[in-house]
């Protein structure tokens, strides 16, 4: 291996190492999957997580749907409880990628997901 090839290999190795270390250190916020169960209050145009519904101030014009649908309607979180439920903070970038491909567990369990009746 000549000098030029050795420099290229070393440079690529350093770049890969920096990316790996950065992926373990750089924190990001991860949002809930779009099919996470959500309760909409159409009167106030807010969404509430099922775990926060007992303490929420909601009307009787409610609908159970998905988090993705709530975001598409541009509804706001009813409280900080709901906002925190749908966000996971300070997750290392590498861990977030593993969660996306299903290798690592997410904050949201299978029970938190809304599945259609046809499945």
PDB file of N, CA and C in Angstrom:
ATOM      1  N   UNK A   1       0.853  -1.167   0.000  1.00  0.00           N
ATOM      2  CA  UNK A   1       0.000   0.000   0.000  1.00  0.00           C
ATOM      3  C   UNK A   1       0.903   1.235   0.000  1.00  0.00           C
ATOM      4  N   UNK A   2       0.693   2.089  -0.965  1.00  0.00           N
ATOM      5  CA  UNK A   2       1.533   3.283  -1.041  1.00  0.00           C
ATOM      6  C   UNK A   2       1.019   4.363  -0.089  1.00  0.00           C
ATOM      7  N   UNK A   3       1.756   5.429  -0.013  1.00  0.00           N
ATOM      8  CA  UNK A   3       1.483   6.501   0.944  1.00  0.00           C
ATOM      9  C   UNK A   3       0.114   7.159   0.730  1.00  0.00           C
ATOM     10  N   UNK A   4      -0.281   7.364  -0.515  1.00  0.00           N
ATOM     11  CA  UNK A   4      -1.561   8.007  -0.831  1.00  0.00           C
ATOM     12  C   UNK A   4      -2.732   7.125  -0.393  1.00  0.00           C
ATOM     13  N   UNK A   5      -2.656   5.833  -0.662  1.00  0.00           N
ATOM     14  CA  UNK A   5      -3.724   4.907  -0.262  1.00  0.00           C
ATOM     15  C   UNK A   5      -3.822   4.830   1.258  1.00  0.00           C
ATOM     16  N   UNK A   6      -2.696   4.855   1.937  1.00  0.00           N
ATOM     17  CA  UNK A   6      -2.682   4.794   3.400  1.00  0.00           C
ATOM     18  C   UNK A   6      -3.363   6.034   3.985  1.00  0.00           C
ATOM     19  N   UNK A   7      -3.115   7.210   3.412  1.00  0.00           N
ATOM     20  CA  UNK A   7      -3.758   8.443   3.873  1.00  0.00           C
ATOM     21  C   UNK A   7      -5.273   8.370   3.692  1.00  0.00           C
ATOM     22  N   UNK A   8      -5.729   7.825   2.567  1.00  0.00           N
ATOM     23  CA  UNK A   8      -7.161   7.695   2.298  1.00  0.00           C
ATOM     24  C   UNK A   8      -7.805   6.752   3.312  1.00  0.00           C
ATOM     25  N   UNK A   9      -7.162   5.623   3.578  1.00  0.00           N
ATOM     26  CA  UNK A   9      -7.705   4.651   4.530  1.00  0.00           C
ATOM     27  C   UNK A   9      -7.760   5.248   5.934  1.00  0.00           C
ATOM     28  N   UNK A  10      -6.710   5.937   6.338  1.00  0.00           N
ATOM     29  CA  UNK A  10      -6.686   6.559   7.659  1.00  0.00           C
ATOM     30  C   UNK A  10      -7.739   7.654   7.757  1.00  0.00           C
ATOM     31  N   UNK A  11      -7.868   8.471   6.725  1.00  0.00           N
ATOM     32  CA  UNK A  11      -8.869   9.541   6.724  1.00  0.00           C
ATOM     33  C   UNK A  11     -10.281   8.975   6.829  1.00  0.00           C
ATOM     34  N   UNK A  12     -10.579   7.935   6.054  1.00  0.00           N
ATOM     35  CA  UNK A  12     -11.905   7.313   6.114  1.00  0.00           C
ATOM     36  C   UNK A  12     -12.157   6.682   7.480  1.00  0.00           C
ATOM     37  N   UNK A  13     -11.149   6.062   8.053  1.00  0.00           N
ATOM     38  CA  UNK A  13     -11.287   5.456   9.380  1.00  0.00           C
ATOM     39  C   UNK A  13     -11.585   6.514  10.435  1.00  0.00           C
ATOM     40  N   UNK A  14     -10.901   7.649  10.360  1.00  0.00           N
ATOM     41  CA  UNK A  14     -11.131   8.733  11.314  1.00  0.00           C
ATOM     42  C   UNK A  14     -12.542   9.289  11.150  1.00  0.00           C
ATOM     43  N   UNK A  15     -12.995   9.449   9.919  1.00  0.00           N
ATOM     44  CA  UNK A  15     -14.354   9.965   9.670  1.00  0.00           C
ATOM     45  C   UNK A  15     -15.403   9.003  10.229  1.00  0.00           C
ATOM     46  N   UNK A  16     -15.231   7.716   9.988  1.00  0.00           N
ATOM     47  CA  UNK A  16     -16.178   6.718  10.507  1.00  0.00           C
ATOM     48  C   UNK A  16     -16.171   6.731  12.030  1.00  0.00           C
ATOM     49  N   UNK A  17     -15.008   6.827  12.642  1.00  0.00           N
ATOM     50  CA  UNK A  17     -14.907   6.871  14.095  1.00  0.00           C
ATOM     51  C   UNK A  17     -15.599   8.111  14.658  1.00  0.00           C
ATOM     52  N   UNK A  18     -15.397   9.253  14.038  1.00  0.00           N
ATOM     53  CA  UNK A  18     -16.052  10.487  14.478  1.00  0.00           C
ATOM     54  C   UNK A  18     -17.567  10.366  14.358  1.00  0.00           C
ATOM     55  N   UNK A  19     -18.054   9.787  13.264  1.00  0.00           N
ATOM     56  CA  UNK A  19     -19.502   9.609  13.090  1.00  0.00           C
ATOM     57  C   UNK A  19     -20.078   8.667  14.141  1.00  0.00           C
ATOM     58  N   UNK A  20     -19.370   7.585  14.434  1.00  0.00           N
ATOM     59  CA  UNK A  20     -19.844   6.648  15.450  1.00  0.00           C
ATOM     60  C   UNK A  20     -19.873   7.294  16.827  1.00  0.00           C
ATOM     61  N   UNK A  21     -18.815   7.974  17.191  1.00  0.00           N
ATOM     62  CA  UNK A  21     -18.780   8.641  18.496  1.00  0.00           C
ATOM     63  C   UNK A  21     -19.823   9.746  18.575  1.00  0.00           C
ATOM     64  N   UNK A  22     -19.977  10.506  17.498  1.00  0.00           N
ATOM     65  CA  UNK A  22     -21.000  11.542  17.469  1.00  0.00           C
ATOM     66  C   UNK A  22     -22.392  10.963  17.624  1.00  0.00           C
ATOM     67  N   UNK A  23     -22.644   9.816  17.013  1.00  0.00           N
ATOM     68  CA  UNK A  23     -23.944   9.158  17.117  1.00  0.00           C
ATOM     69  C   UNK A  23     -24.262   8.679  18.513  1.00  0.00           C
ATOM     70  N   UNK A  24     -23.228   8.419  19.306  1.00  0.00           N
ATOM     71  CA  UNK A  24     -23.432   7.988  20.687  1.00  0.00           C
ATOM     72  C   UNK A  24     -23.548   9.168  21.647  1.00  0.00           C
ATOM     73  N   UNK A  25     -23.104  10.338  21.214  1.00  0.00           N
ATOM     74  CA  UNK A  25     -23.054  11.490  22.102  1.00  0.00           C
ATOM     75  C   UNK A  25     -24.121  12.535  21.765  1.00  0.00           C
ATOM     76  N   UNK A  26     -24.393  12.767  20.499  1.00  0.00           N
ATOM     77  CA  UNK A  26     -25.304  13.834  20.077  1.00  0.00           C
ATOM     78  C   UNK A  26     -26.744  13.470  20.458  1.00  0.00           C
ATOM     79  N   UNK A  27     -27.380  14.265  21.352  1.00  0.00           N
ATOM     80  CA  UNK A  27     -28.761  13.971  21.743  1.00  0.00           C
ATOM     81  C   UNK A  27     -29.765  14.605  20.777  1.00  0.00           C
ATOM     82  N   UNK A  28     -30.851  13.901  20.532  1.00  0.00           N
ATOM     83  CA  UNK A  28     -31.941  14.425  19.720  1.00  0.00           C
ATOM     84  C   UNK A  28     -33.256  14.130  20.426  1.00  0.00           C
ATOM     85  N   UNK A  29     -34.312  14.781  19.999  1.00  0.00           N
ATOM     86  CA  UNK A  29     -35.656  14.506  20.497  1.00  0.00           C
ATOM     87  C   UNK A  29     -36.359  13.612  19.496  1.00  0.00           C
ATOM     88  N   UNK A  30     -37.023  12.595  20.000  1.00  0.00           N
ATOM     89  CA  UNK A  30     -37.724  11.640  19.149  1.00  0.00           C
ATOM     90  C   UNK A  30     -39.219  11.780  19.397  1.00  0.00           C
ATOM     91  N   UNK A  31     -39.970  11.904  18.321  1.00  0.00           N
ATOM     92  CA  UNK A  31     -41.419  11.997  18.430  1.00  0.00           C
ATOM     93  C   UNK A  31     -42.057  10.620  18.380  1.00  0.00           C
ATOM     94  N   UNK A  32     -43.252  10.527  18.896  1.00  0.00           N
ATOM     95  CA  UNK A  32     -43.998   9.268  18.898  1.00  0.00           C
ATOM     96  C   UNK A  32     -44.312   8.848  17.463  1.00  0.00           C
ATOM     97  N   UNK A  33     -44.450   7.542  17.233  1.00  0.00           N
ATOM     98  CA  UNK A  33     -44.874   7.081  15.908  1.00  0.00           C
ATOM     99  C   UNK A  33     -46.242   7.650  15.555  1.00  0.00           C
ATOM    100  N   UNK A  34     -46.498   7.813  14.282  1.00  0.00           N
ATOM    101  CA  UNK A  34     -47.750   8.449  13.850  1.00  0.00           C
ATOM    102  C   UNK A  34     -48.986   7.628  14.200  1.00  0.00           C
ATOM    103  N   UNK A  35     -48.839   6.319  14.440  1.00  0.00           N
ATOM    104  CA  UNK A  35     -50.011   5.509  14.781  1.00  0.00           C
ATOM    105  C   UNK A  35     -50.224   5.354  16.289  1.00  0.00           C
ATOM    106  N   UNK A  36     -49.609   6.220  17.089  1.00  0.00           N
ATOM    107  CA  UNK A  36     -49.812   6.201  18.535  1.00  0.00           C
ATOM    108  C   UNK A  36     -51.216   6.720  18.859  1.00  0.00           C
ATOM    109  N   UNK A  37     -51.899   6.008  19.770  1.00  0.00           N
ATOM    110  CA  UNK A  37     -53.267   6.371  20.151  1.00  0.00           C
ATOM    111  C   UNK A  37     -53.320   7.783  20.712  1.00  0.00           C
ATOM    112  N   UNK A  38     -54.334   8.508  20.300  1.00  0.00           N
ATOM    113  CA  UNK A  38     -54.509   9.894  20.716  1.00  0.00           C
ATOM    114  C   UNK A  38     -55.995  10.192  20.825  1.00  0.00           C
ATOM    115  N   UNK A  39     -56.328  11.053  21.754  1.00  0.00           N
ATOM    116  CA  UNK A  39     -57.715  11.491  21.907  1.00  0.00           C
ATOM    117  C   UNK A  39     -57.782  12.954  21.499  1.00  0.00           C
ATOM    118  N   UNK A  40     -58.656  13.245  20.554  1.00  0.00           N
ATOM    119  CA  UNK A  40     -58.841  14.616  20.086  1.00  0.00           C
ATOM    120  C   UNK A  40     -60.033  15.240  20.783  1.00  0.00           C
ATOM    121  N   UNK A  41     -59.875  16.489  21.176  1.00  0.00           N
ATOM    122  CA  UNK A  41     -60.995  17.290  21.662  1.00  0.00           C
ATOM    123  C   UNK A  41     -61.253  18.325  20.573  1.00  0.00           C
ATOM    124  N   UNK A  42     -62.288  18.088  19.781  1.00  0.00           N
ATOM    125  CA  UNK A  42     -62.559  18.957  18.632  1.00  0.00           C
ATOM    126  C   UNK A  42     -63.051  20.348  19.047  1.00  0.00           C
ATOM    127  N   UNK A  43     -63.615  20.470  20.227  1.00  0.00           N
ATOM    128  CA  UNK A  43     -64.090  21.769  20.682  1.00  0.00           C
ATOM    129  C   UNK A  43     -62.921  22.714  20.957  1.00  0.00           C
ATOM    130  N   UNK A  44     -61.917  22.201  21.665  1.00  0.00           N
ATOM    131  CA  UNK A  44     -60.764  23.042  22.025  1.00  0.00           C
ATOM    132  C   UNK A  44     -59.615  22.901  21.037  1.00  0.00           C
ATOM    133  N   UNK A  45     -59.730  21.990  20.103  1.00  0.00           N
ATOM    134  CA  UNK A  45     -58.703  21.685  19.107  1.00  0.00           C
ATOM    135  C   UNK A  45     -57.378  21.333  19.772  1.00  0.00           C
ATOM    136  N   UNK A  46     -57.481  20.418  20.746  1.00  0.00           N
ATOM    137  CA  UNK A  46     -56.323  19.888  21.460  1.00  0.00           C
ATOM    138  C   UNK A  46     -56.302  18.379  21.337  1.00  0.00           C
ATOM    139  N   UNK A  47     -55.133  17.791  21.563  1.00  0.00           N
ATOM    140  CA  UNK A  47     -55.037  16.337  21.660  1.00  0.00           C
ATOM    141  C   UNK A  47     -54.521  15.968  23.049  1.00  0.00           C
ATOM    142  N   UNK A  48     -54.926  14.785  23.496  1.00  0.00           N
ATOM    143  CA  UNK A  48     -54.591  14.301  24.827  1.00  0.00           C
ATOM    144  C   UNK A  48     -54.109  12.866  24.701  1.00  0.00           C
ATOM    145  N   UNK A  49     -53.063  12.530  25.425  1.00  0.00           N
ATOM    146  CA  UNK A  49     -52.629  11.132  25.440  1.00  0.00           C
ATOM    147  C   UNK A  49     -53.565  10.353  26.356  1.00  0.00           C
ATOM    148  N   UNK A  50     -53.808   9.086  26.060  1.00  0.00           N
ATOM    149  CA  UNK A  50     -54.701   8.288  26.913  1.00  0.00           C
ATOM    150  C   UNK A  50     -54.243   8.246  28.373  1.00  0.00           C
ATOM    151  N   UNK A  51     -52.938   8.284  28.614  1.00  0.00           N
ATOM    152  CA  UNK A  51     -52.454   8.225  29.993  1.00  0.00           C
ATOM    153  C   UNK A  51     -52.703   9.527  30.755  1.00  0.00           C
ATOM    154  N   UNK A  52     -53.021  10.606  30.062  1.00  0.00           N
ATOM    155  CA  UNK A  52     -53.251  11.906  30.702  1.00  0.00           C
ATOM    156  C   UNK A  52     -54.719  12.293  30.736  1.00  0.00           C
ATOM    157  N   UNK A  53     -55.601  11.454  30.216  1.00  0.00           N
ATOM    158  CA  UNK A  53     -57.008  11.837  30.042  1.00  0.00           C
ATOM    159  C   UNK A  53     -57.714  12.097  31.371  1.00  0.00           C
ATOM    160  N   UNK A  54     -57.332  11.393  32.447  1.00  0.00           N
ATOM    161  CA  UNK A  54     -58.011  11.582  33.731  1.00  0.00           C
ATOM    162  C   UNK A  54     -57.817  12.984  34.301  1.00  0.00           C
ATOM    163  N   UNK A  55     -56.684  13.595  34.019  1.00  0.00           N
ATOM    164  CA  UNK A  55     -56.398  14.931  34.544  1.00  0.00           C
ATOM    165  C   UNK A  55     -56.647  16.037  33.526  1.00  0.00           C
ATOM    166  N   UNK A  56     -57.046  15.675  32.322  1.00  0.00           N
ATOM    167  CA  UNK A  56     -57.224  16.661  31.249  1.00  0.00           C
ATOM    168  C   UNK A  56     -58.562  17.381  31.393  1.00  0.00           C
ATOM    169  N   UNK A  57     -58.561  18.612  30.938  1.00  0.00           N
ATOM    170  CA  UNK A  57     -59.793  19.393  30.898  1.00  0.00           C
ATOM    171  C   UNK A  57     -60.314  19.323  29.465  1.00  0.00           C
ATOM    172  N   UNK A  58     -61.243  18.394  29.247  1.00  0.00           N
ATOM    173  CA  UNK A  58     -61.766  18.165  27.906  1.00  0.00           C
ATOM    174  C   UNK A  58     -63.277  18.330  27.891  1.00  0.00           C
ATOM    175  N   UNK A  59     -63.806  18.537  26.692  1.00  0.00           N
ATOM    176  CA  UNK A  59     -65.260  18.629  26.510  1.00  0.00           C
ATOM    177  C   UNK A  59     -65.777  17.246  26.159  1.00  0.00           C
ATOM    178  N   UNK A  60     -67.017  17.163  25.715  1.00  0.00           N
ATOM    179  CA  UNK A  60     -67.564  15.864  25.342  1.00  0.00           C
ATOM    180  C   UNK A  60     -67.496  15.610  23.832  1.00  0.00           C
ATOM    181  N   UNK A  61     -66.810  16.452  23.082  1.00  0.00           N
ATOM    182  CA  UNK A  61     -66.670  16.268  21.635  1.00  0.00           C
ATOM    183  C   UNK A  61     -65.303  15.639  21.363  1.00  0.00           C
ATOM    184  N   UNK A  62     -65.176  14.339  21.725  1.00  0.00           N
ATOM    185  CA  UNK A  62     -63.913  13.624  21.680  1.00  0.00           C
ATOM    186  C   UNK A  62     -63.894  12.587  20.566  1.00  0.00           C
ATOM    187  N   UNK A  63     -62.711  12.271  20.103  1.00  0.00           N
ATOM    188  CA  UNK A  63     -62.520  11.234  19.092  1.00  0.00           C
ATOM    189  C   UNK A  63     -61.196  10.533  19.369  1.00  0.00           C
ATOM    190  N   UNK A  64     -61.204   9.210  19.328  1.00  0.00           N
ATOM    191  CA  UNK A  64     -59.952   8.463  19.436  1.00  0.00           C
ATOM    192  C   UNK A  64     -59.386   8.291  18.029  1.00  0.00           C
ATOM    193  N   UNK A  65     -58.134   8.641  17.865  1.00  0.00           N
ATOM    194  CA  UNK A  65     -57.493   8.570  16.555  1.00  0.00           C
ATOM    195  C   UNK A  65     -55.999   8.361  16.758  1.00  0.00           C
ATOM    196  N   UNK A  66     -55.202   8.780  15.797  1.00  0.00           N
ATOM    197  CA  UNK A  66     -53.755   8.620  15.879  1.00  0.00           C
ATOM    198  C   UNK A  66     -53.065   9.961  16.083  1.00  0.00           C
ATOM    199  N   UNK A  67     -51.850   9.896  16.561  1.00  0.00           N
ATOM    200  CA  UNK A  67     -51.045  11.100  16.759  1.00  0.00           C
ATOM    201  C   UNK A  67     -50.791  11.799  15.427  1.00  0.00           C
ATOM    202  N   UNK A  68     -50.565  11.026  14.390  1.00  0.00           N
ATOM    203  CA  UNK A  68     -50.358  11.605  13.066  1.00  0.00           C
ATOM    204  C   UNK A  68     -51.558  12.411  12.598  1.00  0.00           C
ATOM    205  N   UNK A  69     -52.758  11.906  12.871  1.00  0.00           N
ATOM    206  CA  UNK A  69     -53.973  12.631  12.497  1.00  0.00           C
ATOM    207  C   UNK A  69     -54.090  13.923  13.287  1.00  0.00           C
ATOM    208  N   UNK A  70     -53.745  13.880  14.585  1.00  0.00           N
ATOM    209  CA  UNK A  70     -53.800  15.097  15.411  1.00  0.00           C
ATOM    210  C   UNK A  70     -52.845  16.152  14.875  1.00  0.00           C
ATOM    211  N   UNK A  71     -51.663  15.730  14.469  1.00  0.00           N
ATOM    212  CA  UNK A  71     -50.698  16.681  13.923  1.00  0.00           C
ATOM    213  C   UNK A  71     -51.163  17.230  12.577  1.00  0.00           C
ATOM    214  N   UNK A  72     -51.815  16.372  11.769  1.00  0.00           N
ATOM    215  CA  UNK A  72     -52.288  16.842  10.465  1.00  0.00           C
ATOM    216  C   UNK A  72     -53.395  17.891  10.613  1.00  0.00           C
ATOM    217  N   UNK A  73     -54.139  17.825  11.708  1.00  0.00           N
ATOM    218  CA  UNK A  73     -55.172  18.825  11.988  1.00  0.00           C
ATOM    219  C   UNK A  73     -54.585  20.079  12.638  1.00  0.00           C
ATOM    220  N   UNK A  74     -53.315  20.028  12.965  1.00  0.00           N
ATOM    221  CA  UNK A  74     -52.600  21.143  13.601  1.00  0.00           C
ATOM    222  C   UNK A  74     -53.157  21.435  14.991  1.00  0.00           C
ATOM    223  N   UNK A  75     -53.580  20.377  15.708  1.00  0.00           N
ATOM    224  CA  UNK A  75     -54.047  20.529  17.074  1.00  0.00           C
ATOM    225  C   UNK A  75     -52.840  20.637  18.003  1.00  0.00           C
ATOM    226  N   UNK A  76     -53.043  21.233  19.177  1.00  0.00           N
ATOM    227  CA  UNK A  76     -51.989  21.397  20.176  1.00  0.00           C
ATOM    228  C   UNK A  76     -52.190  20.395  21.301  1.00  0.00           C
ATOM    229  N   UNK A  77     -51.111  20.124  22.032  1.00  0.00           N
ATOM    230  CA  UNK A  77     -51.200  19.269  23.212  1.00  0.00           C
ATOM    231  C   UNK A  77     -52.045  19.977  24.267  1.00  0.00           C
ATOM    232  N   UNK A  78     -52.913  19.238  24.932  1.00  0.00           N
ATOM    233  CA  UNK A  78     -53.817  19.816  25.932  1.00  0.00           C
ATOM    234  C   UNK A  78     -53.039  20.273  27.166  1.00  0.00           C
ATOM    235  N   UNK A  79     -51.964  19.557  27.492  1.00  0.00           N
ATOM    236  CA  UNK A  79     -51.184  19.882  28.684  1.00  0.00           C
ATOM    237  C   UNK A  79     -49.738  19.434  28.483  1.00  0.00           C
ATOM    238  N   UNK A  80     -48.908  19.783  29.437  1.00  0.00           N
ATOM    239  CA  UNK A  80     -47.515  19.334  29.368  1.00  0.00           C
ATOM    240  C   UNK A  80     -47.432  17.819  29.522  1.00  0.00           C
ATOM    241  N   UNK A  81     -48.379  17.219  30.209  1.00  0.00           N
ATOM    242  CA  UNK A  81     -48.422  15.766  30.342  1.00  0.00           C
ATOM    243  C   UNK A  81     -48.514  15.113  28.964  1.00  0.00           C
ATOM    244  N   UNK A  82     -49.425  15.599  28.138  1.00  0.00           N
ATOM    245  CA  UNK A  82     -49.587  15.047  26.791  1.00  0.00           C
ATOM    246  C   UNK A  82     -48.379  15.371  25.919  1.00  0.00           C
ATOM    247  N   UNK A  83     -47.862  16.575  26.011  1.00  0.00           N
ATOM    248  CA  UNK A  83     -46.697  16.955  25.206  1.00  0.00           C
ATOM    249  C   UNK A  83     -45.506  16.064  25.529  1.00  0.00           C
ATOM    250  N   UNK A  84     -45.293  15.790  26.800  1.00  0.00           N
ATOM    251  CA  UNK A  84     -44.173  14.945  27.209  1.00  0.00           C
ATOM    252  C   UNK A  84     -44.383  13.492  26.803  1.00  0.00           C
ATOM    253  N   UNK A  85     -45.645  13.033  26.788  1.00  0.00           N
ATOM    254  CA  UNK A  85     -45.920  11.652  26.398  1.00  0.00           C
ATOM    255  C   UNK A  85     -45.500  11.401  24.951  1.00  0.00           C
ATOM    256  N   UNK A  86     -45.719  12.374  24.083  1.00  0.00           N
ATOM    257  CA  UNK A  86     -45.450  12.186  22.657  1.00  0.00           C
ATOM    258  C   UNK A  86     -44.036  12.568  22.254  1.00  0.00           C
ATOM    259  N   UNK A  87     -43.181  12.929  23.200  1.00  0.00           N
ATOM    260  CA  UNK A  87     -41.788  13.269  22.913  1.00  0.00           C
ATOM    261  C   UNK A  87     -40.875  12.489  23.851  1.00  0.00           C
ATOM    262  N   UNK A  88     -39.766  12.025  23.314  1.00  0.00           N
ATOM    263  CA  UNK A  88     -38.716  11.419  24.128  1.00  0.00           C
ATOM    264  C   UNK A  88     -37.478  12.289  23.919  1.00  0.00           C
ATOM    265  N   UNK A  89     -36.979  12.866  24.986  1.00  0.00           N
ATOM    266  CA  UNK A  89     -35.894  13.847  24.888  1.00  0.00           C
ATOM    267  C   UNK A  89     -34.528  13.227  25.118  1.00  0.00           C
ATOM    268  N   UNK A  90     -33.542  13.851  24.523  1.00  0.00           N
ATOM    269  CA  UNK A  90     -32.135  13.536  24.740  1.00  0.00           C
ATOM    270  C   UNK A  90     -31.785  12.066  24.477  1.00  0.00           C
ATOM    271  N   UNK A  91     -32.269  11.557  23.368  1.00  0.00           N
ATOM    272  CA  UNK A  91     -31.923  10.206  22.940  1.00  0.00           C
ATOM    273  C   UNK A  91     -30.702  10.309  22.027  1.00  0.00           C
ATOM    274  N   UNK A  92     -29.653   9.519  22.292  1.00  0.00           N
ATOM    275  CA  UNK A  92     -28.500   9.556  21.382  1.00  0.00           C
ATOM    276  C   UNK A  92     -28.921   9.195  19.957  1.00  0.00           C
ATOM    277  N   UNK A  93     -28.323   9.863  18.991  1.00  0.00           N
ATOM    278  CA  UNK A  93     -28.670   9.678  17.587  1.00  0.00           C
ATOM    279  C   UNK A  93     -28.603   8.213  17.181  1.00  0.00           C
ATOM    280  N   UNK A  94     -27.590   7.504  17.611  1.00  0.00           N
ATOM    281  CA  UNK A  94     -27.418   6.090  17.258  1.00  0.00           C
ATOM    282  C   UNK A  94     -28.568   5.246  17.822  1.00  0.00           C
ATOM    283  N   UNK A  95     -28.968   5.533  19.062  1.00  0.00           N
ATOM    284  CA  UNK A  95     -30.077   4.797  19.681  1.00  0.00           C
ATOM    285  C   UNK A  95     -31.384   5.096  18.948  1.00  0.00           C
ATOM    286  N   UNK A  96     -31.593   6.351  18.542  1.00  0.00           N
ATOM    287  CA  UNK A  96     -32.805   6.720  17.802  1.00  0.00           C
ATOM    288  C   UNK A  96     -32.875   5.967  16.476  1.00  0.00           C
ATOM    289  N   UNK A  97     -31.742   5.803  15.817  1.00  0.00           N
ATOM    290  CA  UNK A  97     -31.729   5.036  14.560  1.00  0.00           C
ATOM    291  C   UNK A  97     -32.073   3.576  14.823  1.00  0.00           C
ATOM    292  N   UNK A  98     -31.548   3.003  15.907  1.00  0.00           N
ATOM    293  CA  UNK A  98     -31.876   1.617  16.249  1.00  0.00           C
ATOM    294  C   UNK A  98     -33.363   1.466  16.579  1.00  0.00           C
ATOM    295  N   UNK A  99     -33.945   2.467  17.218  1.00  0.00           N
ATOM    296  CA  UNK A  99     -35.376   2.434  17.522  1.00  0.00           C
ATOM    297  C   UNK A  99     -36.196   2.476  16.239  1.00  0.00           C
ATOM    298  N   UNK A 100     -35.772   3.287  15.283  1.00  0.00           N
ATOM    299  CA  UNK A 100     -36.514   3.424  14.028  1.00  0.00           C
ATOM    300  C   UNK A 100     -36.555   2.111  13.252  1.00  0.00           C
ATOM    301  N   UNK A 101     -35.481   1.337  13.287  1.00  0.00           N
ATOM    302  CA  UNK A 101     -35.462   0.073  12.543  1.00  0.00           C
ATOM    303  C   UNK A 101     -35.967  -1.097  13.379  1.00  0.00           C
ATOM    304  N   UNK A 102     -36.320  -0.838  14.654  1.00  0.00           N
ATOM    305  CA  UNK A 102     -36.940  -1.861  15.480  1.00  0.00           C
ATOM    306  C   UNK A 102     -35.983  -2.719  16.274  1.00  0.00           C
ATOM    307  N   UNK A 103     -34.712  -2.376  16.321  1.00  0.00           N
ATOM    308  CA  UNK A 103     -33.733  -3.166  17.070  1.00  0.00           C
ATOM    309  C   UNK A 103     -33.787  -2.828  18.554  1.00  0.00           C
ATOM    310  N   UNK A 104     -34.006  -1.569  18.882  1.00  0.00           N
ATOM    311  CA  UNK A 104     -34.065  -1.109  20.269  1.00  0.00           C
ATOM    312  C   UNK A 104     -35.504  -0.724  20.606  1.00  0.00           C
ATOM    313  N   UNK A 105     -35.870  -0.883  21.882  1.00  0.00           N
ATOM    314  CA  UNK A 105     -37.239  -0.556  22.292  1.00  0.00           C
ATOM    315  C   UNK A 105     -37.455   0.948  22.359  1.00  0.00           C
ATOM    316  N   UNK A 106     -38.666   1.351  21.998  1.00  0.00           N
ATOM    317  CA  UNK A 106     -39.069   2.750  22.079  1.00  0.00           C
ATOM    318  C   UNK A 106     -39.777   2.998  23.398  1.00  0.00           C
ATOM    319  N   UNK A 107     -39.988   4.250  23.689  1.00  0.00           N
ATOM    320  CA  UNK A 107     -40.750   4.658  24.873  1.00  0.00           C
ATOM    321  C   UNK A 107     -42.196   4.167  24.767  1.00  0.00           C
ATOM    322  N   UNK A 108     -42.716   4.092  23.547  1.00  0.00           N
ATOM    323  CA  UNK A 108     -44.113   3.742  23.328  1.00  0.00           C
ATOM    324  C   UNK A 108     -44.240   2.250  23.070  1.00  0.00           C
ATOM    325  N   UNK A 109     -45.137   1.607  23.818  1.00  0.00           N
ATOM    326  CA  UNK A 109     -45.323   0.165  23.693  1.00  0.00           C
ATOM    327  C   UNK A 109     -46.374  -0.150  22.620  1.00  0.00           C
ATOM    328  N   UNK A 110     -46.544  -1.421  22.357  1.00  0.00           N
ATOM    329  CA  UNK A 110     -47.540  -1.879  21.387  1.00  0.00           C
ATOM    330  C   UNK A 110     -48.951  -1.488  21.842  1.00  0.00           C
ATOM    331  N   UNK A 111     -49.172  -1.425  23.149  1.00  0.00           N
ATOM    332  CA  UNK A 111     -50.481  -1.030  23.683  1.00  0.00           C
ATOM    333  C   UNK A 111     -50.801   0.434  23.395  1.00  0.00           C
ATOM    334  N   UNK A 112     -49.778   1.242  23.167  1.00  0.00           N
ATOM    335  CA  UNK A 112     -49.980   2.663  22.878  1.00  0.00           C
ATOM    336  C   UNK A 112     -50.363   2.903  21.424  1.00  0.00           C
ATOM    337  N   UNK A 113     -50.297   1.880  20.590  1.00  0.00           N
ATOM    338  CA  UNK A 113     -50.566   2.042  19.165  1.00  0.00           C
ATOM    339  C   UNK A 113     -52.046   1.768  18.866  1.00  0.00           C
ATOM    340  N   UNK A 114     -52.570   2.486  17.885  1.00  0.00           N
ATOM    341  CA  UNK A 114     -53.946   2.304  17.460  1.00  0.00           C
ATOM    342  C   UNK A 114     -53.924   1.493  16.170  1.00  0.00           C
ATOM    343  N   UNK A 115     -54.503   0.313  16.222  1.00  0.00           N
ATOM    344  CA  UNK A 115     -54.538  -0.549  15.041  1.00  0.00           C
ATOM    345  C   UNK A 115     -55.967  -0.613  14.513  1.00  0.00           C
ATOM    346  N   UNK A 116     -56.079  -0.714  13.206  1.00  0.00           N
ATOM    347  CA  UNK A 116     -57.416  -0.775  12.603  1.00  0.00           C
ATOM    348  C   UNK A 116     -58.061  -2.120  12.921  1.00  0.00           C
ATOM    349  N   UNK A 117     -59.362  -2.167  12.827  1.00  0.00           N
ATOM    350  CA  UNK A 117     -60.116  -3.384  13.136  1.00  0.00           C
ATOM    351  C   UNK A 117     -59.857  -4.512  12.125  1.00  0.00           C
ATOM    352  N   UNK A 118     -59.333  -4.185  10.948  1.00  0.00           N
ATOM    353  CA  UNK A 118     -59.137  -5.202   9.919  1.00  0.00           C
ATOM    354  C   UNK A 118     -57.852  -5.977  10.086  1.00  0.00           C
ATOM    355  N   UNK A 119     -56.975  -5.545  10.975  1.00  0.00           N
ATOM    356  CA  UNK A 119     -55.706  -6.234  11.164  1.00  0.00           C
ATOM    357  C   UNK A 119     -55.871  -7.482  11.985  1.00  0.00           C
TER     358      UNK A 119
END
